[in-house]
Amino acid sequence: MLRVPAAGEATPPLVERKIEKVAPVSLPESFQRAREKKAAEGGAAAAPAGELRRRRREPSDNEQPDWEKAPTERLVRVGKHRKSNKVLWWAGGLLGTAAVVALAVAMLRKEPEPALMPIAVAPVREAAPVAAPASVPEAINLPQEMNRSEAELTAELEPLTRGFLQADTVEKLLPFVRDADKVEGKIRAWYPDGKVPAPGMSAFNTKNTLAYRGRLISVSVRTEDFEEKQIAFLRGDDGLKVDWESFVAWSEMPWPRFISEKPEQPVLFRVALKTLEYYNFGFADDRKWQSYELRSPDREHVLYGYVRRDSSLDGRVRPLDGKSTRLVTVKLKYLPGDVKRNQVVIEELVSDGWVEGAGD
């Protein structure tokens, strides 16, 4: 510890402190000359080579350390080391920054890889055995008339149609009628006086086509009073003839008489039929019955016909689209008891259409 002298006490002499020898230092020439000059002025002997003596003194007010003019070897070495470290630090920082920038640019330029989505693979199933194709008939049995040209058929049908429509008596009519020996009684009952109201023909094949169905051929004609009529022909032993029953829509009983007498035995009628939702009186249970509208050929009479719902007869009577009108030949009857005059039972489907025995 440094002791401060008391007042009046002599200041102790400066204590020389010998420093340990260090390796000889090669000092700059200017520094050596300044040292020798200062020693000569102060009368102090020069220190032997390799030995450095220092005296502690207070620096003057004007004297400042000059680190650039009098650097020591240690300071120079440390300075270079610090400078080298600083340069390396800055170089390392720049290189690191450049590496980060390059990595970011590369990541931005890199195309994103599509995400791998799981693929659902359906289980492999054994192929179903292929059914052998149905055998194809060697020949299709077409109706006989379809094997003839339309021109050939027209040449035969037109004079036959004209003769039928111009016949004004039963005797003149019968030669043109199909199964004349079987239907002659019906014809004579239809025309009691033997006279036939001949409508005549003003145009043949007005739709410019012949329709085929099973064994029959039908054609449209226009009568002399401009009424459009359909005429059906079937071939018998004596050639093509007109189906008279379908032409006049023959029924076993006149409609007014049938409605007034309400027979409980089936009676054959040719009617226009379509589905209708009407359930009342003895046919009020729609779970049991399916209703149909039955209209007479002259459209003057309407009956409500009923069939057991979901029966085979219901399936055969019902129009294919469920709403269109069908021309059918059916047998109708009344139920026993007190029933309404316009409600009847459809007992049987005789034919699809008004021509019996035509086949499909």
Foldseek 3Di string as FASTA:
>chain_A
DDDDDDPPDDDDDFDWDFDDFDPFDDFDPVVVVVVVVVCVVVVHDDDDGRGDTDTDDDDDPPDDDDCVVGPGPVRVVVVVVVVVVVVVVVVVVVVVVVVVVVVVVVVVPDDDDDDDDDDDDDDDDDDDDDDDDDDDDPDDDDAPVVVDDPVVVCVVVPVLVQQCLQDFFLVSNLVQEDPSVVCVVVVCVVVVVRTHPRQGFDFWQPVVDWDDDFQKIKGWTATPVGDIFIWIWGQDPVGIHTHVCQRVQDWPDDPVVCLVVQAQDWTKGWWKKAFDDDADDPRNDPQQWGWMWTAHPVRPDIAIEIDGPPDVQCVVPADPVRGDIFTFMFIWGDDPDDDHSRYIYGDGTQGRHRDHPRHD
